[in-house]
Amino acid sequence: MTTVWERDEIESPCVKVCLIHPAEGLCTGCLRTRDEIAAWSRMTPEARRAVMDELPGRAPRLRRRRGGRAARVKG
């Protein structure tokens, strides 16, 4: 039987959709800041948990839209 190495740490929220929103400064895939992404591998489990706890509250910041093409065509 092969032993599988298991790590006792929080996994990354990365979903491999890496695009930083220009106005909000958040990755549109994982909702982390550039600094959080860069430091992730060096963060303590507690620091990672703190970031993970903040992520759901960041999602609405990227969902607001001013209308785009649909608003121009409608108006």
PDB file of N, CA and C in Angstrom:
ATOM      1  N   MET A   1       0.834  -1.180   0.000  1.00  0.00           N
ATOM      2  CA  MET A   1       0.000   0.000   0.000  1.00  0.00           C
ATOM      3  C   MET A   1       0.881   1.246   0.000  1.00  0.00           C
ATOM      4  N   THR A   2       0.553   2.196  -0.861  1.00  0.00           N
ATOM      5  CA  THR A   2       1.310   3.427  -0.962  1.00  0.00           C
ATOM      6  C   THR A   2       0.781   4.452   0.037  1.00  0.00           C
ATOM      7  N   THR A   3       1.688   5.084   0.723  1.00  0.00           N
ATOM      8  CA  THR A   3       1.304   6.128   1.662  1.00  0.00           C
ATOM      9  C   THR A   3       1.155   7.440   0.901  1.00  0.00           C
ATOM     10  N   VAL A   4       0.047   8.103   1.123  1.00  0.00           N
ATOM     11  CA  VAL A   4      -0.193   9.383   0.474  1.00  0.00           C
ATOM     12  C   VAL A   4       0.167  10.483   1.457  1.00  0.00           C
ATOM     13  N   TRP A   5       0.965  11.417   0.977  1.00  0.00           N
ATOM     14  CA  TRP A   5       1.359  12.535   1.823  1.00  0.00           C
ATOM     15  C   TRP A   5       0.203  13.500   1.936  1.00  0.00           C
ATOM     16  N   GLU A   6      -0.197  13.783   3.149  1.00  0.00           N
ATOM     17  CA  GLU A   6      -1.288  14.719   3.377  1.00  0.00           C
ATOM     18  C   GLU A   6      -0.761  15.914   4.137  1.00  0.00           C
ATOM     19  N   ARG A   7      -1.221  17.094   3.719  1.00  0.00           N
ATOM     20  CA  ARG A   7      -0.798  18.323   4.369  1.00  0.00           C
ATOM     21  C   ARG A   7      -1.950  18.866   5.193  1.00  0.00           C
ATOM     22  N   ASP A   8      -1.636  19.326   6.363  1.00  0.00           N
ATOM     23  CA  ASP A   8      -2.645  19.885   7.255  1.00  0.00           C
ATOM     24  C   ASP A   8      -2.693  21.401   7.076  1.00  0.00           C
ATOM     25  N   GLU A   9      -3.209  21.820   5.931  1.00  0.00           N
ATOM     26  CA  GLU A   9      -3.308  23.246   5.660  1.00  0.00           C
ATOM     27  C   GLU A   9      -4.529  23.526   4.792  1.00  0.00           C
ATOM     28  N   ILE A  10      -4.918  24.769   4.793  1.00  0.00           N
ATOM     29  CA  ILE A  10      -6.071  25.188   4.011  1.00  0.00           C
ATOM     30  C   ILE A  10      -5.684  25.212   2.539  1.00  0.00           C
ATOM     31  N   GLU A  11      -6.509  24.638   1.699  1.00  0.00           N
ATOM     32  CA  GLU A  11      -6.239  24.648   0.275  1.00  0.00           C
ATOM     33  C   GLU A  11      -6.446  26.041  -0.295  1.00  0.00           C
ATOM     34  N   SER A  12      -5.865  26.261  -1.426  1.00  0.00           N
ATOM     35  CA  SER A  12      -6.000  27.542  -2.108  1.00  0.00           C
ATOM     36  C   SER A  12      -7.393  27.667  -2.720  1.00  0.00           C
ATOM     37  N   PRO A  13      -7.961  28.871  -2.716  1.00  0.00           N
ATOM     38  CA  PRO A  13      -9.259  29.075  -3.359  1.00  0.00           C
ATOM     39  C   PRO A  13      -9.137  29.254  -4.875  1.00  0.00           C
ATOM     40  N   CYS A  14      -7.945  29.120  -5.400  1.00  0.00           N
ATOM     41  CA  CYS A  14      -7.711  29.331  -6.833  1.00  0.00           C
ATOM     42  C   CYS A  14      -8.563  28.381  -7.673  1.00  0.00           C
ATOM     43  N   VAL A  15      -9.212  28.943  -8.697  1.00  0.00           N
ATOM     44  CA  VAL A  15     -10.016  28.145  -9.626  1.00  0.00           C
ATOM     45  C   VAL A  15      -9.448  28.224 -11.040  1.00  0.00           C
ATOM     46  N   LYS A  16      -8.202  28.724 -11.141  1.00  0.00           N
ATOM     47  CA  LYS A  16      -7.476  28.838 -12.410  1.00  0.00           C
ATOM     48  C   LYS A  16      -8.181  29.752 -13.418  1.00  0.00           C
ATOM     49  N   VAL A  17      -8.848  30.777 -12.903  1.00  0.00           N
ATOM     50  CA  VAL A  17      -9.415  31.846 -13.709  1.00  0.00           C
ATOM     51  C   VAL A  17      -8.756  33.111 -13.175  1.00  0.00           C
ATOM     52  N   CYS A  18      -7.586  33.415 -13.682  1.00  0.00           N
ATOM     53  CA  CYS A  18      -6.769  34.476 -13.105  1.00  0.00           C
ATOM     54  C   CYS A  18      -6.870  35.756 -13.936  1.00  0.00           C
ATOM     55  N   LEU A  19      -7.652  36.680 -13.426  1.00  0.00           N
ATOM     56  CA  LEU A  19      -7.823  37.966 -14.077  1.00  0.00           C
ATOM     57  C   LEU A  19      -8.107  38.983 -12.979  1.00  0.00           C
ATOM     58  N   ILE A  20      -7.249  39.973 -12.846  1.00  0.00           N
ATOM     59  CA  ILE A  20      -7.421  40.977 -11.811  1.00  0.00           C
ATOM     60  C   ILE A  20      -8.369  42.058 -12.311  1.00  0.00           C
ATOM     61  N   HIS A  21      -9.443  42.278 -11.569  1.00  0.00           N
ATOM     62  CA  HIS A  21     -10.424  43.318 -11.903  1.00  0.00           C
ATOM     63  C   HIS A  21      -9.728  44.668 -11.723  1.00  0.00           C
ATOM     64  N   PRO A  22      -9.718  45.520 -12.756  1.00  0.00           N
ATOM     65  CA  PRO A  22      -8.941  46.763 -12.676  1.00  0.00           C
ATOM     66  C   PRO A  22      -9.404  47.737 -11.596  1.00  0.00           C
ATOM     67  N   ALA A  23     -10.679  47.844 -11.356  1.00  0.00           N
ATOM     68  CA  ALA A  23     -11.182  48.802 -10.367  1.00  0.00           C
ATOM     69  C   ALA A  23     -11.120  48.257  -8.945  1.00  0.00           C
ATOM     70  N   GLU A  24     -11.422  46.987  -8.769  1.00  0.00           N
ATOM     71  CA  GLU A  24     -11.496  46.402  -7.432  1.00  0.00           C
ATOM     72  C   GLU A  24     -10.175  45.805  -6.946  1.00  0.00           C
ATOM     73  N   GLY A  25      -9.285  45.456  -7.878  1.00  0.00           N
ATOM     74  CA  GLY A  25      -8.008  44.866  -7.484  1.00  0.00           C
ATOM     75  C   GLY A  25      -8.121  43.452  -6.964  1.00  0.00           C
ATOM     76  N   LEU A  26      -9.191  42.762  -7.343  1.00  0.00           N
ATOM     77  CA  LEU A  26      -9.416  41.381  -6.921  1.00  0.00           C
ATOM     78  C   LEU A  26      -9.344  40.451  -8.118  1.00  0.00           C
ATOM     79  N   CYS A  27      -8.871  39.241  -7.891  1.00  0.00           N
ATOM     80  CA  CYS A  27      -8.914  38.224  -8.930  1.00  0.00           C
ATOM     81  C   CYS A  27     -10.380  37.834  -9.141  1.00  0.00           C
ATOM     82  N   THR A  28     -10.822  37.819 -10.374  1.00  0.00           N
ATOM     83  CA  THR A  28     -12.224  37.487 -10.649  1.00  0.00           C
ATOM     84  C   THR A  28     -12.515  36.010 -10.417  1.00  0.00           C
ATOM     85  N   GLY A  29     -11.490  35.183 -10.333  1.00  0.00           N
ATOM     86  CA  GLY A  29     -11.687  33.763 -10.078  1.00  0.00           C
ATOM     87  C   GLY A  29     -11.771  33.421  -8.599  1.00  0.00           C
ATOM     88  N   CYS A  30     -10.785  33.860  -7.824  1.00  0.00           N
ATOM     89  CA  CYS A  30     -10.716  33.455  -6.411  1.00  0.00           C
ATOM     90  C   CYS A  30     -11.041  34.577  -5.438  1.00  0.00           C
ATOM     91  N   LEU A  31     -11.150  35.799  -5.912  1.00  0.00           N
ATOM     92  CA  LEU A  31     -11.504  36.980  -5.110  1.00  0.00           C
ATOM     93  C   LEU A  31     -10.393  37.446  -4.178  1.00  0.00           C
ATOM     94  N   ARG A  32      -9.173  36.933  -4.361  1.00  0.00           N
ATOM     95  CA  ARG A  32      -8.057  37.404  -3.545  1.00  0.00           C
ATOM     96  C   ARG A  32      -7.391  38.609  -4.209  1.00  0.00           C
ATOM     97  N   THR A  33      -6.669  39.390  -3.398  1.00  0.00           N
ATOM     98  CA  THR A  33      -5.879  40.496  -3.931  1.00  0.00           C
ATOM     99  C   THR A  33      -4.576  39.943  -4.482  1.00  0.00           C
ATOM    100  N   ARG A  34      -3.866  40.760  -5.241  1.00  0.00           N
ATOM    101  CA  ARG A  34      -2.551  40.337  -5.757  1.00  0.00           C
ATOM    102  C   ARG A  34      -1.612  39.978  -4.607  1.00  0.00           C
ATOM    103  N   ASP A  35      -1.620  40.806  -3.573  1.00  0.00           N
ATOM    104  CA  ASP A  35      -0.738  40.552  -2.430  1.00  0.00           C
ATOM    105  C   ASP A  35      -1.074  39.232  -1.744  1.00  0.00           C
ATOM    106  N   GLU A  36      -2.355  38.934  -1.607  1.00  0.00           N
ATOM    107  CA  GLU A  36      -2.764  37.669  -0.983  1.00  0.00           C
ATOM    108  C   GLU A  36      -2.354  36.475  -1.837  1.00  0.00           C
ATOM    109  N   ILE A  37      -2.496  36.607  -3.134  1.00  0.00           N
ATOM    110  CA  ILE A  37      -2.105  35.521  -4.042  1.00  0.00           C
ATOM    111  C   ILE A  37      -0.601  35.284  -3.943  1.00  0.00           C
ATOM    112  N   ALA A  38       0.177  36.352  -3.963  1.00  0.00           N
ATOM    113  CA  ALA A  38       1.633  36.241  -3.922  1.00  0.00           C
ATOM    114  C   ALA A  38       2.122  35.649  -2.597  1.00  0.00           C
ATOM    115  N   ALA A  39       1.464  35.980  -1.507  1.00  0.00           N
ATOM    116  CA  ALA A  39       1.911  35.542  -0.188  1.00  0.00           C
ATOM    117  C   ALA A  39       1.308  34.220   0.258  1.00  0.00           C
ATOM    118  N   TRP A  40       0.360  33.670  -0.476  1.00  0.00           N
ATOM    119  CA  TRP A  40      -0.412  32.508  -0.034  1.00  0.00           C
ATOM    120  C   TRP A  40       0.459  31.357   0.470  1.00  0.00           C
ATOM    121  N   SER A  41       1.490  31.007  -0.271  1.00  0.00           N
ATOM    122  CA  SER A  41       2.305  29.847   0.114  1.00  0.00           C
ATOM    123  C   SER A  41       3.125  30.103   1.381  1.00  0.00           C
ATOM    124  N   ARG A  42       3.301  31.360   1.750  1.00  0.00           N
ATOM    125  CA  ARG A  42       4.061  31.689   2.955  1.00  0.00           C
ATOM    126  C   ARG A  42       3.171  32.039   4.139  1.00  0.00           C
ATOM    127  N   MET A  43       1.863  32.095   3.933  1.00  0.00           N
ATOM    128  CA  MET A  43       0.939  32.468   5.012  1.00  0.00           C
ATOM    129  C   MET A  43       0.779  31.333   6.016  1.00  0.00           C
ATOM    130  N   THR A  44       0.517  31.726   7.246  1.00  0.00           N
ATOM    131  CA  THR A  44       0.200  30.738   8.270  1.00  0.00           C
ATOM    132  C   THR A  44      -1.212  30.204   8.015  1.00  0.00           C
ATOM    133  N   PRO A  45      -1.538  29.046   8.540  1.00  0.00           N
ATOM    134  CA  PRO A  45      -2.908  28.547   8.390  1.00  0.00           C
ATOM    135  C   PRO A  45      -3.946  29.541   8.918  1.00  0.00           C
ATOM    136  N   GLU A  46      -3.610  30.250   9.976  1.00  0.00           N
ATOM    137  CA  GLU A  46      -4.548  31.236  10.539  1.00  0.00           C
ATOM    138  C   GLU A  46      -4.771  32.398   9.579  1.00  0.00           C
ATOM    139  N   ALA A  47      -3.700  32.859   8.950  1.00  0.00           N
ATOM    140  CA  ALA A  47      -3.822  33.955   7.986  1.00  0.00           C
ATOM    141  C   ALA A  47      -4.619  33.513   6.766  1.00  0.00           C
ATOM    142  N   ARG A  48      -4.383  32.285   6.316  1.00  0.00           N
ATOM    143  CA  ARG A  48      -5.157  31.762   5.174  1.00  0.00           C
ATOM    144  C   ARG A  48      -6.636  31.669   5.533  1.00  0.00           C
ATOM    145  N   ARG A  49      -6.930  31.178   6.732  1.00  0.00           N
ATOM    146  CA  ARG A  49      -8.322  31.051   7.170  1.00  0.00           C
ATOM    147  C   ARG A  49      -8.984  32.427   7.210  1.00  0.00           C
ATOM    148  N   ALA A  50      -8.261  33.441   7.668  1.00  0.00           N
ATOM    149  CA  ALA A  50      -8.806  34.803   7.721  1.00  0.00           C
ATOM    150  C   ALA A  50      -9.155  35.300   6.315  1.00  0.00           C
ATOM    151  N   VAL A  51      -8.285  35.029   5.353  1.00  0.00           N
ATOM    152  CA  VAL A  51      -8.567  35.430   3.963  1.00  0.00           C
ATOM    153  C   VAL A  51      -9.770  34.651   3.445  1.00  0.00           C
ATOM    154  N   MET A  52      -9.780  33.344   3.666  1.00  0.00           N
ATOM    155  CA  MET A  52     -10.893  32.514   3.188  1.00  0.00           C
ATOM    156  C   MET A  52     -12.222  32.988   3.764  1.00  0.00           C
ATOM    157  N   ASP A  53     -12.219  33.406   5.013  1.00  0.00           N
ATOM    158  CA  ASP A  53     -13.446  33.889   5.652  1.00  0.00           C
ATOM    159  C   ASP A  53     -13.944  35.187   5.033  1.00  0.00           C
ATOM    160  N   GLU A  54     -13.032  35.998   4.487  1.00  0.00           N
ATOM    161  CA  GLU A  54     -13.403  37.271   3.862  1.00  0.00           C
ATOM    162  C   GLU A  54     -13.920  37.125   2.432  1.00  0.00           C
ATOM    163  N   LEU A  55     -13.544  36.068   1.748  1.00  0.00           N
ATOM    164  CA  LEU A  55     -13.847  35.934   0.319  1.00  0.00           C
ATOM    165  C   LEU A  55     -15.328  36.029  -0.032  1.00  0.00           C
ATOM    166  N   PRO A  56     -16.236  35.374   0.679  1.00  0.00           N
ATOM    167  CA  PRO A  56     -17.654  35.474   0.292  1.00  0.00           C
ATOM    168  C   PRO A  56     -18.175  36.919   0.304  1.00  0.00           C
ATOM    169  N   GLY A  57     -17.677  37.730   1.197  1.00  0.00           N
ATOM    170  CA  GLY A  57     -18.115  39.114   1.270  1.00  0.00           C
ATOM    171  C   GLY A  57     -17.583  39.984   0.144  1.00  0.00           C
ATOM    172  N   ARG A  58     -16.578  39.505  -0.548  1.00  0.00           N
ATOM    173  CA  ARG A  58     -15.993  40.261  -1.658  1.00  0.00           C
ATOM    174  C   ARG A  58     -16.735  40.052  -2.978  1.00  0.00           C
ATOM    175  N   ALA A  59     -17.423  38.946  -3.110  1.00  0.00           N
ATOM    176  CA  ALA A  59     -18.082  38.606  -4.372  1.00  0.00           C
ATOM    177  C   ALA A  59     -19.001  39.707  -4.894  1.00  0.00           C
ATOM    178  N   PRO A  60     -19.829  40.342  -4.065  1.00  0.00           N
ATOM    179  CA  PRO A  60     -20.714  41.385  -4.589  1.00  0.00           C
ATOM    180  C   PRO A  60     -19.969  42.566  -5.205  1.00  0.00           C
ATOM    181  N   ARG A  61     -18.739  42.780  -4.817  1.00  0.00           N
ATOM    182  CA  ARG A  61     -17.962  43.882  -5.392  1.00  0.00           C
ATOM    183  C   ARG A  61     -17.726  43.690  -6.880  1.00  0.00           C
ATOM    184  N   LEU A  62     -17.721  42.446  -7.344  1.00  0.00           N
ATOM    185  CA  LEU A  62     -17.485  42.170  -8.761  1.00  0.00           C
ATOM    186  C   LEU A  62     -18.777  41.962  -9.539  1.00  0.00           C
ATOM    187  N   ARG A  63     -19.886  41.874  -8.878  1.00  0.00           N
ATOM    188  CA  ARG A  63     -21.149  41.616  -9.570  1.00  0.00           C
ATOM    189  C   ARG A  63     -21.864  42.889  -9.997  1.00  0.00           C
ATOM    190  N   ARG A  64     -21.478  44.014  -9.400  1.00  0.00           N
ATOM    191  CA  ARG A  64     -22.120  45.269  -9.777  1.00  0.00           C
ATOM    192  C   ARG A  64     -21.712  45.653 -11.188  1.00  0.00           C
ATOM    193  N   ARG A  65     -22.677  45.990 -11.982  1.00  0.00           N
ATOM    194  CA  ARG A  65     -22.400  46.419 -13.351  1.00  0.00           C
ATOM    195  C   ARG A  65     -23.127  47.718 -13.604  1.00  0.00           C
ATOM    196  N   ARG A  66     -22.584  48.514 -14.472  1.00  0.00           N
ATOM    197  CA  ARG A  66     -23.217  49.788 -14.778  1.00  0.00           C
ATOM    198  C   ARG A  66     -24.110  49.692 -16.008  1.00  0.00           C
ATOM    199  N   GLY A  67     -24.185  48.555 -16.600  1.00  0.00           N
ATOM    200  CA  GLY A  67     -25.073  48.393 -17.733  1.00  0.00           C
ATOM    201  C   GLY A  67     -24.392  47.877 -18.971  1.00  0.00           C
ATOM    202  N   GLY A  68     -23.244  48.433 -19.288  1.00  0.00           N
ATOM    203  CA  GLY A  68     -22.521  47.972 -20.469  1.00  0.00           C
ATOM    204  C   GLY A  68     -23.324  48.153 -21.744  1.00  0.00           C
ATOM    205  N   ARG A  69     -23.158  47.275 -22.692  1.00  0.00           N
ATOM    206  CA  ARG A  69     -23.808  47.364 -23.995  1.00  0.00           C
ATOM    207  C   ARG A  69     -25.328  47.315 -23.859  1.00  0.00           C
ATOM    208  N   ALA A  70     -25.848  46.454 -22.980  1.00  0.00           N
ATOM    209  CA  ALA A  70     -27.293  46.317 -22.823  1.00  0.00           C
ATOM    210  C   ALA A  70     -27.932  47.652 -22.436  1.00  0.00           C
ATOM    211  N   ALA A  71     -27.282  48.424 -21.585  1.00  0.00           N
ATOM    212  CA  ALA A  71     -27.825  49.710 -21.170  1.00  0.00           C
ATOM    213  C   ALA A  71     -27.791  50.726 -22.310  1.00  0.00           C
ATOM    214  N   ARG A  72     -26.741  50.666 -23.123  1.00  0.00           N
ATOM    215  CA  ARG A  72     -26.642  51.612 -24.256  1.00  0.00           C
ATOM    216  C   ARG A  72     -27.694  51.314 -25.301  1.00  0.00           C
ATOM    217  N   VAL A  73     -27.916  50.046 -25.592  1.00  0.00           N
ATOM    218  CA  VAL A  73     -28.887  49.653 -26.612  1.00  0.00           C
ATOM    219  C   VAL A  73     -30.298  49.966 -26.145  1.00  0.00           C
ATOM    220  N   LYS A  74     -30.556  49.740 -24.872  1.00  0.00           N
ATOM    221  CA  LYS A  74     -31.877  49.965 -24.293  1.00  0.00           C
ATOM    222  C   LYS A  74     -32.252  51.443 -24.310  1.00  0.00           C
ATOM    223  N   GLY A  75     -31.264  52.309 -23.990  1.00  0.00           N
ATOM    224  CA  GLY A  75     -31.518  53.723 -23.803  1.00  0.00           C
ATOM    225  C   GLY A  75     -31.659  54.466 -25.052  1.00  0.00           C
TER     226      GLY A  75
END
